[in-house]
């Protein structure tokens, strides 16, 4: 709570309106040689921190048995064949994680945007306290938060057990509670980028309620809203720490299955499953960036 309060103090005056022309000139001017050196350093850093681990994981996923050298005679597709066609837990985990992540994204998109809009329009003590309480579940360690969920939903009212603990519903409630702040922050940041004069102009021309949102606000803030929703989706899709204590038979998630493979010594299966998830995330990111560019062209064309 102290950390979130300090964060609020640091960010309370941070406001950038993208609908107003800003000064984008660089503050540090570099020569061509220095620019190339900086770019080389950045790409080298990204290469060794991101690309190399992914390539290593992908290479291990094709090896017949962990520990064998990476040679052509030791490569096989049997790990992927086992995951996709033999082990029912793989597709079950993918289905569970996708459904949980999708429903969590939808609920957080709606609720988070409403909270962010209230925080944006009425920055009073009530909305600030609401944001603080939404932040706490995400700031807690996942295992601590999972224990809180267990104790809360075993008997939310003394003598009454609704049957949520031990079912997939407790995962859904935990995901929404924990990741709602991601959407709140994403939506709030998107709203801060819109100059208030635009909304005032909409009101003076008679655009109110849904008309104002549909024709003016949504086209401007939609990329930010979708970005926050995508972050919620991806975080929920690959979540482990909360799920490791809340999952039950039939409600395994992607993170739990990968962790169980690794714990059981099936490293090649865990790396193959992880490679599938990485490929899916990269594909989704490419589609999202493409859709964002198309949307921006449409908005610019209208304006």
C-alpha atoms as a PDB file:
ATOM      1  CA  UNK A   1       0.000   0.000   0.000  1.00  0.00           C
ATOM      2  CA  UNK A   2       2.928   2.324   0.720  1.00  0.00           C
ATOM      3  CA  UNK A   3       4.394   1.539  -2.703  1.00  0.00           C
ATOM      4  CA  UNK A   4       1.110   2.235  -4.508  1.00  0.00           C
ATOM      5  CA  UNK A   5       0.768   5.524  -2.606  1.00  0.00           C
ATOM      6  CA  UNK A   6       4.263   6.592  -3.688  1.00  0.00           C
ATOM      7  CA  UNK A   7       3.410   5.613  -7.273  1.00  0.00           C
ATOM      8  CA  UNK A   8       0.269   7.755  -7.117  1.00  0.00           C
ATOM      9  CA  UNK A   9       2.322  10.735  -5.888  1.00  0.00           C
ATOM     10  CA  UNK A  10       4.775  10.319  -8.760  1.00  0.00           C
ATOM     11  CA  UNK A  11       2.131   9.943 -11.483  1.00  0.00           C
ATOM     12  CA  UNK A  12      -0.660  12.253 -10.319  1.00  0.00           C
ATOM     13  CA  UNK A  13       0.616  15.158 -12.475  1.00  0.00           C
ATOM     14  CA  UNK A  14       1.528  12.987 -15.455  1.00  0.00           C
ATOM     15  CA  UNK A  15      -0.735  13.899 -18.349  1.00  0.00           C
ATOM     16  CA  UNK A  16       0.034  13.686 -22.075  1.00  0.00           C
ATOM     17  CA  UNK A  17      -2.604  14.711 -24.594  1.00  0.00           C
ATOM     18  CA  UNK A  18      -1.947  13.032 -27.928  1.00  0.00           C
ATOM     19  CA  UNK A  19      -4.745  15.012 -29.566  1.00  0.00           C
ATOM     20  CA  UNK A  20      -2.606  18.144 -29.111  1.00  0.00           C
ATOM     21  CA  UNK A  21       0.508  18.691 -31.202  1.00  0.00           C
ATOM     22  CA  UNK A  22       3.556  17.961 -29.083  1.00  0.00           C
ATOM     23  CA  UNK A  23       7.226  18.769 -29.321  1.00  0.00           C
ATOM     24  CA  UNK A  24       8.898  15.559 -30.510  1.00  0.00           C
ATOM     25  CA  UNK A  25      12.344  16.930 -31.219  1.00  0.00           C
ATOM     26  CA  UNK A  26      15.155  14.903 -29.600  1.00  0.00           C
ATOM     27  CA  UNK A  27      16.840  16.370 -26.532  1.00  0.00           C
ATOM     28  CA  UNK A  28      20.148  14.591 -27.182  1.00  0.00           C
ATOM     29  CA  UNK A  29      21.640  14.868 -30.649  1.00  0.00           C
ATOM     30  CA  UNK A  30      23.975  12.095 -31.753  1.00  0.00           C
ATOM     31  CA  UNK A  31      26.210  11.795 -34.758  1.00  0.00           C
ATOM     32  CA  UNK A  32      25.566   9.057 -37.308  1.00  0.00           C
ATOM     33  CA  UNK A  33      28.336   6.863 -35.879  1.00  0.00           C
ATOM     34  CA  UNK A  34      27.050   7.215 -32.311  1.00  0.00           C
ATOM     35  CA  UNK A  35      23.496   6.455 -33.444  1.00  0.00           C
ATOM     36  CA  UNK A  36      24.688   3.238 -35.065  1.00  0.00           C
ATOM     37  CA  UNK A  37      26.600   2.282 -31.903  1.00  0.00           C
ATOM     38  CA  UNK A  38      23.537   2.891 -29.731  1.00  0.00           C
ATOM     39  CA  UNK A  39      21.335   0.879 -32.094  1.00  0.00           C
ATOM     40  CA  UNK A  40      23.874  -1.950 -32.143  1.00  0.00           C
ATOM     41  CA  UNK A  41      24.024  -2.005 -28.353  1.00  0.00           C
ATOM     42  CA  UNK A  42      20.227  -2.109 -28.063  1.00  0.00           C
ATOM     43  CA  UNK A  43      19.842  -4.893 -30.631  1.00  0.00           C
ATOM     44  CA  UNK A  44      22.644  -6.888 -28.995  1.00  0.00           C
ATOM     45  CA  UNK A  45      20.942  -6.563 -25.624  1.00  0.00           C
ATOM     46  CA  UNK A  46      17.602  -7.697 -27.067  1.00  0.00           C
ATOM     47  CA  UNK A  47      19.287 -10.559 -28.902  1.00  0.00           C
ATOM     48  CA  UNK A  48      20.808 -12.084 -25.763  1.00  0.00           C
ATOM     49  CA  UNK A  49      17.890 -11.355 -23.416  1.00  0.00           C
ATOM     50  CA  UNK A  50      14.966 -12.302 -25.668  1.00  0.00           C
ATOM     51  CA  UNK A  51      15.796 -14.017 -28.936  1.00  0.00           C
ATOM     52  CA  UNK A  52      18.522 -16.449 -27.772  1.00  0.00           C
ATOM     53  CA  UNK A  53      16.417 -17.966 -24.927  1.00  0.00           C
ATOM     54  CA  UNK A  54      13.488 -18.470 -27.307  1.00  0.00           C
ATOM     55  CA  UNK A  55      15.688 -20.092 -29.942  1.00  0.00           C
ATOM     56  CA  UNK A  56      17.265 -22.351 -27.329  1.00  0.00           C
ATOM     57  CA  UNK A  57      13.857 -23.402 -26.042  1.00  0.00           C
ATOM     58  CA  UNK A  58      12.644 -24.071 -29.574  1.00  0.00           C
ATOM     59  CA  UNK A  59      15.746 -26.149 -30.359  1.00  0.00           C
ATOM     60  CA  UNK A  60      15.296 -28.317 -27.250  1.00  0.00           C
ATOM     61  CA  UNK A  61      11.649 -28.951 -28.160  1.00  0.00           C
ATOM     62  CA  UNK A  62      12.766 -30.899 -31.273  1.00  0.00           C
ATOM     63  CA  UNK A  63      15.278 -33.153 -29.476  1.00  0.00           C
ATOM     64  CA  UNK A  64      14.168 -36.748 -28.902  1.00  0.00           C
ATOM     65  CA  UNK A  65      15.498 -36.825 -25.336  1.00  0.00           C
ATOM     66  CA  UNK A  66      16.834 -34.048 -23.133  1.00  0.00           C
ATOM     67  CA  UNK A  67      20.627 -34.017 -23.040  1.00  0.00           C
ATOM     68  CA  UNK A  68      21.252 -35.256 -26.571  1.00  0.00           C
ATOM     69  CA  UNK A  69      23.338 -32.996 -28.814  1.00  0.00           C
ATOM     70  CA  UNK A  70      21.533 -30.870 -31.373  1.00  0.00           C
ATOM     71  CA  UNK A  71      22.178 -33.036 -34.429  1.00  0.00           C
ATOM     72  CA  UNK A  72      19.942 -34.051 -37.302  1.00  0.00           C
ATOM     73  CA  UNK A  73      19.656 -37.685 -36.164  1.00  0.00           C
ATOM     74  CA  UNK A  74      18.447 -36.534 -32.726  1.00  0.00           C
ATOM     75  CA  UNK A  75      15.685 -34.273 -34.033  1.00  0.00           C
ATOM     76  CA  UNK A  76      12.067 -35.321 -34.165  1.00  0.00           C
ATOM     77  CA  UNK A  77       8.502 -33.969 -34.136  1.00  0.00           C
ATOM     78  CA  UNK A  78       7.366 -36.585 -31.628  1.00  0.00           C
ATOM     79  CA  UNK A  79       7.151 -34.071 -28.764  1.00  0.00           C
ATOM     80  CA  UNK A  80       4.656 -31.933 -30.659  1.00  0.00           C
ATOM     81  CA  UNK A  81       2.839 -35.038 -31.882  1.00  0.00           C
ATOM     82  CA  UNK A  82       2.432 -36.259 -28.312  1.00  0.00           C
ATOM     83  CA  UNK A  83       1.186 -32.894 -27.052  1.00  0.00           C
ATOM     84  CA  UNK A  84      -1.287 -32.241 -29.853  1.00  0.00           C
ATOM     85  CA  UNK A  85      -2.592 -35.755 -30.515  1.00  0.00           C
ATOM     86  CA  UNK A  86      -1.851 -38.045 -27.557  1.00  0.00           C
ATOM     87  CA  UNK A  87      -2.051 -36.126 -24.278  1.00  0.00           C
ATOM     88  CA  UNK A  88      -5.605 -34.874 -23.609  1.00  0.00           C
ATOM     89  CA  UNK A  89      -4.360 -32.467 -20.934  1.00  0.00           C
ATOM     90  CA  UNK A  90      -2.704 -30.254 -23.552  1.00  0.00           C
ATOM     91  CA  UNK A  91      -5.827 -29.348 -25.500  1.00  0.00           C
ATOM     92  CA  UNK A  92      -7.841 -29.216 -22.283  1.00  0.00           C
ATOM     93  CA  UNK A  93      -5.360 -26.740 -20.774  1.00  0.00           C
ATOM     94  CA  UNK A  94      -5.357 -24.656 -23.951  1.00  0.00           C
ATOM     95  CA  UNK A  95      -9.151 -24.565 -23.954  1.00  0.00           C
ATOM     96  CA  UNK A  96      -9.377 -23.695 -20.251  1.00  0.00           C
ATOM     97  CA  UNK A  97      -6.751 -20.958 -20.484  1.00  0.00           C
ATOM     98  CA  UNK A  98      -8.264 -19.483 -23.643  1.00  0.00           C
ATOM     99  CA  UNK A  99     -11.771 -19.389 -22.154  1.00  0.00           C
ATOM    100  CA  UNK A 100     -10.548 -17.964 -18.840  1.00  0.00           C
ATOM    101  CA  UNK A 101      -8.389 -15.354 -20.576  1.00  0.00           C
ATOM    102  CA  UNK A 102     -11.191 -14.358 -22.990  1.00  0.00           C
ATOM    103  CA  UNK A 103     -13.870 -13.938 -20.327  1.00  0.00           C
ATOM    104  CA  UNK A 104     -11.404 -12.177 -18.028  1.00  0.00           C
ATOM    105  CA  UNK A 105     -10.485  -9.787 -20.837  1.00  0.00           C
ATOM    106  CA  UNK A 106     -14.139  -8.962 -21.594  1.00  0.00           C
ATOM    107  CA  UNK A 107     -15.079  -8.341 -17.949  1.00  0.00           C
ATOM    108  CA  UNK A 108     -11.927  -6.305 -17.285  1.00  0.00           C
ATOM    109  CA  UNK A 109     -12.392  -4.299 -20.498  1.00  0.00           C
ATOM    110  CA  UNK A 110     -15.885  -3.194 -19.458  1.00  0.00           C
ATOM    111  CA  UNK A 111     -15.345  -2.777 -15.711  1.00  0.00           C
ATOM    112  CA  UNK A 112     -11.835  -1.368 -16.044  1.00  0.00           C
ATOM    113  CA  UNK A 113     -12.866   1.253 -18.595  1.00  0.00           C
ATOM    114  CA  UNK A 114     -15.778   2.364 -16.413  1.00  0.00           C
ATOM    115  CA  UNK A 115     -13.511   2.705 -13.366  1.00  0.00           C
ATOM    116  CA  UNK A 116     -10.889   4.539 -15.429  1.00  0.00           C
ATOM    117  CA  UNK A 117     -13.487   6.946 -16.840  1.00  0.00           C
ATOM    118  CA  UNK A 118     -14.821   7.730 -13.363  1.00  0.00           C
ATOM    119  CA  UNK A 119     -11.252   8.214 -12.166  1.00  0.00           C
ATOM    120  CA  UNK A 120     -10.610  10.508 -15.132  1.00  0.00           C
ATOM    121  CA  UNK A 121     -13.788  12.595 -14.801  1.00  0.00           C
ATOM    122  CA  UNK A 122     -14.020  12.667 -10.992  1.00  0.00           C
ATOM    123  CA  UNK A 123     -10.537  12.488  -9.445  1.00  0.00           C
ATOM    124  CA  UNK A 124     -11.876  12.601  -5.876  1.00  0.00           C
ATOM    125  CA  UNK A 125     -10.892  10.611  -2.813  1.00  0.00           C
ATOM    126  CA  UNK A 126     -13.465   7.865  -3.550  1.00  0.00           C
ATOM    127  CA  UNK A 127     -12.121   7.063  -7.020  1.00  0.00           C
ATOM    128  CA  UNK A 128      -8.538   7.206  -5.737  1.00  0.00           C
ATOM    129  CA  UNK A 129      -9.336   4.720  -2.962  1.00  0.00           C
ATOM    130  CA  UNK A 130     -11.088   2.498  -5.523  1.00  0.00           C
ATOM    131  CA  UNK A 131      -7.965   2.491  -7.686  1.00  0.00           C
ATOM    132  CA  UNK A 132      -5.863   1.646  -4.623  1.00  0.00           C
ATOM    133  CA  UNK A 133      -7.989  -1.380  -3.752  1.00  0.00           C
ATOM    134  CA  UNK A 134      -7.955  -2.537  -7.375  1.00  0.00           C
ATOM    135  CA  UNK A 135      -4.154  -2.283  -7.356  1.00  0.00           C
ATOM    136  CA  UNK A 136      -3.527  -4.313  -4.179  1.00  0.00           C
ATOM    137  CA  UNK A 137      -4.422  -7.789  -5.619  1.00  0.00           C
ATOM    138  CA  UNK A 138      -1.895  -7.304  -8.426  1.00  0.00           C
ATOM    139  CA  UNK A 139       0.789  -5.978  -6.067  1.00  0.00           C
ATOM    140  CA  UNK A 140       0.534  -9.035  -3.808  1.00  0.00           C
ATOM    141  CA  UNK A 141       2.621 -12.128  -4.560  1.00  0.00           C
ATOM    142  CA  UNK A 142       0.553 -14.633  -6.521  1.00  0.00           C
ATOM    143  CA  UNK A 143       0.710 -17.353  -3.871  1.00  0.00           C
ATOM    144  CA  UNK A 144      -0.384 -14.934  -1.138  1.00  0.00           C
ATOM    145  CA  UNK A 145      -3.298 -13.751  -3.258  1.00  0.00           C
ATOM    146  CA  UNK A 146      -4.255 -17.362  -4.054  1.00  0.00           C
ATOM    147  CA  UNK A 147      -4.376 -18.184  -0.344  1.00  0.00           C
ATOM    148  CA  UNK A 148      -6.610 -15.157   0.176  1.00  0.00           C
ATOM    149  CA  UNK A 149      -8.958 -16.476  -2.516  1.00  0.00           C
ATOM    150  CA  UNK A 150      -9.039 -19.941  -0.940  1.00  0.00           C
ATOM    151  CA  UNK A 151      -9.910 -18.659   2.521  1.00  0.00           C
ATOM    152  CA  UNK A 152     -12.444 -16.192   1.121  1.00  0.00           C
ATOM    153  CA  UNK A 153     -14.379 -18.639  -1.093  1.00  0.00           C
ATOM    154  CA  UNK A 154     -14.338 -21.800   0.997  1.00  0.00           C
ATOM    155  CA  UNK A 155     -16.981 -20.159   3.184  1.00  0.00           C
ATOM    156  CA  UNK A 156     -17.688 -16.572   2.124  1.00  0.00           C
ATOM    157  CA  UNK A 157     -20.514 -16.569   4.677  1.00  0.00           C
ATOM    158  CA  UNK A 158     -20.156 -18.705   7.781  1.00  0.00           C
ATOM    159  CA  UNK A 159     -21.926 -22.024   7.277  1.00  0.00           C
ATOM    160  CA  UNK A 160     -22.467 -21.483   3.515  1.00  0.00           C
ATOM    161  CA  UNK A 161     -20.240 -23.040   0.860  1.00  0.00           C
ATOM    162  CA  UNK A 162     -21.226 -21.920  -2.664  1.00  0.00           C
ATOM    163  CA  UNK A 163     -19.028 -24.590  -4.297  1.00  0.00           C
ATOM    164  CA  UNK A 164     -16.737 -22.108  -6.029  1.00  0.00           C
ATOM    165  CA  UNK A 165     -13.546 -23.402  -4.424  1.00  0.00           C
ATOM    166  CA  UNK A 166     -12.314 -26.426  -6.362  1.00  0.00           C
ATOM    167  CA  UNK A 167     -14.028 -25.348  -9.597  1.00  0.00           C
ATOM    168  CA  UNK A 168     -12.893 -23.311 -12.580  1.00  0.00           C
ATOM    169  CA  UNK A 169     -14.963 -20.370 -11.327  1.00  0.00           C
ATOM    170  CA  UNK A 170     -12.496 -19.532  -8.588  1.00  0.00           C
ATOM    171  CA  UNK A 171      -9.801 -19.161 -11.266  1.00  0.00           C
ATOM    172  CA  UNK A 172     -12.048 -16.799 -13.216  1.00  0.00           C
ATOM    173  CA  UNK A 173     -12.795 -14.681 -10.123  1.00  0.00           C
ATOM    174  CA  UNK A 174      -9.106 -14.635  -9.187  1.00  0.00           C
ATOM    175  CA  UNK A 175      -8.030 -13.595 -12.689  1.00  0.00           C
ATOM    176  CA  UNK A 176     -10.556 -10.743 -12.870  1.00  0.00           C
ATOM    177  CA  UNK A 177      -9.641  -9.530  -9.394  1.00  0.00           C
ATOM    178  CA  UNK A 178      -5.904  -9.706 -10.010  1.00  0.00           C
ATOM    179  CA  UNK A 179      -5.686  -8.323 -13.563  1.00  0.00           C
ATOM    180  CA  UNK A 180      -8.396  -5.654 -13.469  1.00  0.00           C
ATOM    181  CA  UNK A 181      -5.793  -2.997 -12.664  1.00  0.00           C
ATOM    182  CA  UNK A 182      -4.026  -3.656 -15.987  1.00  0.00           C
ATOM    183  CA  UNK A 183      -7.136  -2.587 -17.872  1.00  0.00           C
ATOM    184  CA  UNK A 184      -7.789   0.328 -15.516  1.00  0.00           C
ATOM    185  CA  UNK A 185      -4.292   1.685 -16.103  1.00  0.00           C
ATOM    186  CA  UNK A 186      -4.478   1.087 -19.849  1.00  0.00           C
ATOM    187  CA  UNK A 187      -7.871   2.782 -20.193  1.00  0.00           C
ATOM    188  CA  UNK A 188      -6.863   5.643 -17.900  1.00  0.00           C
ATOM    189  CA  UNK A 189      -3.688   6.252 -19.898  1.00  0.00           C
ATOM    190  CA  UNK A 190      -5.738   6.279 -23.120  1.00  0.00           C
ATOM    191  CA  UNK A 191      -8.195   8.798 -21.652  1.00  0.00           C
ATOM    192  CA  UNK A 192      -5.364  11.054 -20.484  1.00  0.00           C
ATOM    193  CA  UNK A 193      -4.144  11.303 -24.074  1.00  0.00           C
ATOM    194  CA  UNK A 194      -7.400  12.965 -25.185  1.00  0.00           C
ATOM    195  CA  UNK A 195      -7.565  16.704 -24.661  1.00  0.00           C
ATOM    196  CA  UNK A 196     -10.621  17.675 -22.531  1.00  0.00           C
ATOM    197  CA  UNK A 197     -11.568  20.349 -25.085  1.00  0.00           C
ATOM    198  CA  UNK A 198     -12.563  17.612 -27.554  1.00  0.00           C
ATOM    199  CA  UNK A 199     -15.171  16.209 -25.160  1.00  0.00           C
ATOM    200  CA  UNK A 200     -16.354  19.730 -24.331  1.00  0.00           C
ATOM    201  CA  UNK A 201     -16.748  20.490 -28.033  1.00  0.00           C
ATOM    202  CA  UNK A 202     -18.791  17.314 -28.421  1.00  0.00           C
ATOM    203  CA  UNK A 203     -21.162  18.396 -25.663  1.00  0.00           C
ATOM    204  CA  UNK A 204     -21.618  21.873 -27.112  1.00  0.00           C
ATOM    205  CA  UNK A 205     -22.584  20.369 -30.477  1.00  0.00           C
ATOM    206  CA  UNK A 206     -25.200  18.162 -28.838  1.00  0.00           C
ATOM    207  CA  UNK A 207     -23.293  14.862 -28.777  1.00  0.00           C
ATOM    208  CA  UNK A 208     -24.085  13.188 -25.485  1.00  0.00           C
ATOM    209  CA  UNK A 209     -23.972   9.715 -23.990  1.00  0.00           C
ATOM    210  CA  UNK A 210     -23.400   6.879 -26.429  1.00  0.00           C
ATOM    211  CA  UNK A 211     -23.224   9.209 -29.446  1.00  0.00           C
ATOM    212  CA  UNK A 212     -20.247  11.020 -27.911  1.00  0.00           C
ATOM    213  CA  UNK A 213     -18.504   7.737 -27.100  1.00  0.00           C
ATOM    214  CA  UNK A 214     -19.203   6.097 -30.458  1.00  0.00           C
ATOM    215  CA  UNK A 215     -18.277   8.980 -32.749  1.00  0.00           C
ATOM    216  CA  UNK A 216     -15.571  10.814 -30.798  1.00  0.00           C
ATOM    217  CA  UNK A 217     -14.050   9.139 -27.739  1.00  0.00           C
ATOM    218  CA  UNK A 218     -13.917   5.495 -28.838  1.00  0.00           C
ATOM    219  CA  UNK A 219     -12.085   6.127 -32.136  1.00  0.00           C
ATOM    220  CA  UNK A 220      -9.421   8.063 -30.209  1.00  0.00           C
ATOM    221  CA  UNK A 221      -8.941   5.761 -27.222  1.00  0.00           C
ATOM    222  CA  UNK A 222      -9.743   2.385 -28.782  1.00  0.00           C
ATOM    223  CA  UNK A 223      -6.087   1.442 -29.481  1.00  0.00           C
ATOM    224  CA  UNK A 224      -5.291   2.084 -25.806  1.00  0.00           C
ATOM    225  CA  UNK A 225      -8.310   0.093 -24.646  1.00  0.00           C
ATOM    226  CA  UNK A 226      -7.458  -2.836 -26.899  1.00  0.00           C
ATOM    227  CA  UNK A 227      -3.821  -2.670 -25.809  1.00  0.00           C
ATOM    228  CA  UNK A 228      -4.861  -2.953 -22.163  1.00  0.00           C
ATOM    229  CA  UNK A 229      -7.299  -5.761 -22.978  1.00  0.00           C
ATOM    230  CA  UNK A 230      -4.595  -7.648 -24.889  1.00  0.00           C
ATOM    231  CA  UNK A 231      -2.245  -7.307 -21.918  1.00  0.00           C
ATOM    232  CA  UNK A 232      -4.949  -8.743 -19.641  1.00  0.00           C
ATOM    233  CA  UNK A 233      -5.568 -11.588 -22.088  1.00  0.00           C
ATOM    234  CA  UNK A 234      -1.908 -12.566 -22.454  1.00  0.00           C
ATOM    235  CA  UNK A 235      -1.216 -12.292 -18.725  1.00  0.00           C
ATOM    236  CA  UNK A 236      -4.218 -14.460 -17.873  1.00  0.00           C
ATOM    237  CA  UNK A 237      -3.386 -16.922 -20.652  1.00  0.00           C
ATOM    238  CA  UNK A 238       0.069 -17.683 -19.257  1.00  0.00           C
ATOM    239  CA  UNK A 239      -0.587 -17.171 -15.521  1.00  0.00           C
ATOM    240  CA  UNK A 240       0.988 -19.695 -13.119  1.00  0.00           C
ATOM    241  CA  UNK A 241       1.458 -18.501  -9.534  1.00  0.00           C
ATOM    242  CA  UNK A 242      -2.238 -18.074  -8.737  1.00  0.00           C
ATOM    243  CA  UNK A 243      -3.323 -21.086 -10.786  1.00  0.00           C
ATOM    244  CA  UNK A 244      -0.809 -23.402  -9.112  1.00  0.00           C
ATOM    245  CA  UNK A 245      -2.808 -23.230  -5.858  1.00  0.00           C
ATOM    246  CA  UNK A 246      -6.331 -22.863  -7.266  1.00  0.00           C
ATOM    247  CA  UNK A 247      -6.469 -25.410 -10.096  1.00  0.00           C
ATOM    248  CA  UNK A 248      -8.315 -28.709  -9.732  1.00  0.00           C
ATOM    249  CA  UNK A 249      -8.831 -31.760 -11.912  1.00  0.00           C
ATOM    250  CA  UNK A 250     -10.374 -30.668 -15.189  1.00  0.00           C
ATOM    251  CA  UNK A 251      -9.409 -27.014 -14.760  1.00  0.00           C
ATOM    252  CA  UNK A 252      -5.702 -27.231 -15.570  1.00  0.00           C
ATOM    253  CA  UNK A 253      -4.269 -24.165 -17.304  1.00  0.00           C
ATOM    254  CA  UNK A 254      -1.353 -23.753 -19.695  1.00  0.00           C
ATOM    255  CA  UNK A 255       1.034 -22.583 -16.981  1.00  0.00           C
ATOM    256  CA  UNK A 256       0.113 -25.444 -14.662  1.00  0.00           C
ATOM    257  CA  UNK A 257       0.588 -28.121 -17.353  1.00  0.00           C
ATOM    258  CA  UNK A 258       3.967 -26.722 -18.437  1.00  0.00           C
ATOM    259  CA  UNK A 259       5.102 -26.540 -14.811  1.00  0.00           C
ATOM    260  CA  UNK A 260       3.946 -30.110 -14.146  1.00  0.00           C
ATOM    261  CA  UNK A 261       5.811 -31.372 -17.224  1.00  0.00           C
ATOM    262  CA  UNK A 262       9.002 -29.707 -16.026  1.00  0.00           C
ATOM    263  CA  UNK A 263       8.597 -30.959 -12.468  1.00  0.00           C
ATOM    264  CA  UNK A 264       8.051 -34.507 -13.723  1.00  0.00           C
ATOM    265  CA  UNK A 265      11.256 -34.377 -15.785  1.00  0.00           C
ATOM    266  CA  UNK A 266       9.610 -34.093 -19.212  1.00  0.00           C
ATOM    267  CA  UNK A 267      11.675 -31.093 -20.281  1.00  0.00           C
ATOM    268  CA  UNK A 268      11.178 -31.676 -24.003  1.00  0.00           C
ATOM    269  CA  UNK A 269       7.395 -31.675 -23.555  1.00  0.00           C
ATOM    270  CA  UNK A 270       7.474 -28.484 -21.493  1.00  0.00           C
ATOM    271  CA  UNK A 271       9.667 -26.692 -24.046  1.00  0.00           C
ATOM    272  CA  UNK A 272       7.486 -27.877 -26.931  1.00  0.00           C
ATOM    273  CA  UNK A 273       4.330 -26.651 -25.215  1.00  0.00           C
ATOM    274  CA  UNK A 274       6.064 -23.365 -24.359  1.00  0.00           C
ATOM    275  CA  UNK A 275       7.153 -22.966 -27.991  1.00  0.00           C
ATOM    276  CA  UNK A 276       3.552 -23.383 -29.132  1.00  0.00           C
ATOM    277  CA  UNK A 277       2.464 -20.624 -26.749  1.00  0.00           C
ATOM    278  CA  UNK A 278       5.298 -18.306 -27.834  1.00  0.00           C
ATOM    279  CA  UNK A 279       4.418 -18.819 -31.501  1.00  0.00           C
ATOM    280  CA  UNK A 280       0.730 -18.114 -30.787  1.00  0.00           C
ATOM    281  CA  UNK A 281       1.596 -14.947 -28.840  1.00  0.00           C
ATOM    282  CA  UNK A 282       3.877 -13.681 -31.620  1.00  0.00           C
ATOM    283  CA  UNK A 283       1.216 -14.369 -34.231  1.00  0.00           C
ATOM    284  CA  UNK A 284      -1.377 -12.563 -32.135  1.00  0.00           C
ATOM    285  CA  UNK A 285       0.983  -9.608 -31.680  1.00  0.00           C
ATOM    286  CA  UNK A 286       1.538  -9.321 -35.427  1.00  0.00           C
ATOM    287  CA  UNK A 287      -2.210  -9.408 -36.071  1.00  0.00           C
ATOM    288  CA  UNK A 288      -2.788  -6.782 -33.365  1.00  0.00           C
ATOM    289  CA  UNK A 289      -0.172  -4.414 -34.808  1.00  0.00           C
ATOM    290  CA  UNK A 290      -1.612  -4.874 -38.302  1.00  0.00           C
ATOM    291  CA  UNK A 291      -5.135  -4.161 -37.088  1.00  0.00           C
ATOM    292  CA  UNK A 292      -3.846  -1.102 -35.186  1.00  0.00           C
ATOM    293  CA  UNK A 293      -2.271   0.347 -38.324  1.00  0.00           C
ATOM    294  CA  UNK A 294      -5.471  -0.218 -40.312  1.00  0.00           C
ATOM    295  CA  UNK A 295      -7.531   1.427 -37.559  1.00  0.00           C
ATOM    296  CA  UNK A 296      -5.206   4.444 -37.348  1.00  0.00           C
ATOM    297  CA  UNK A 297      -5.455   4.954 -41.106  1.00  0.00           C
ATOM    298  CA  UNK A 298      -9.248   4.898 -40.899  1.00  0.00           C
ATOM    299  CA  UNK A 299      -9.307   7.379 -38.007  1.00  0.00           C
ATOM    300  CA  UNK A 300      -6.865   9.728 -39.783  1.00  0.00           C
ATOM    301  CA  UNK A 301      -8.924   9.501 -42.963  1.00  0.00           C
ATOM    302  CA  UNK A 302     -12.079  10.522 -41.060  1.00  0.00           C
ATOM    303  CA  UNK A 303     -10.333  13.420 -39.354  1.00  0.00           C
END
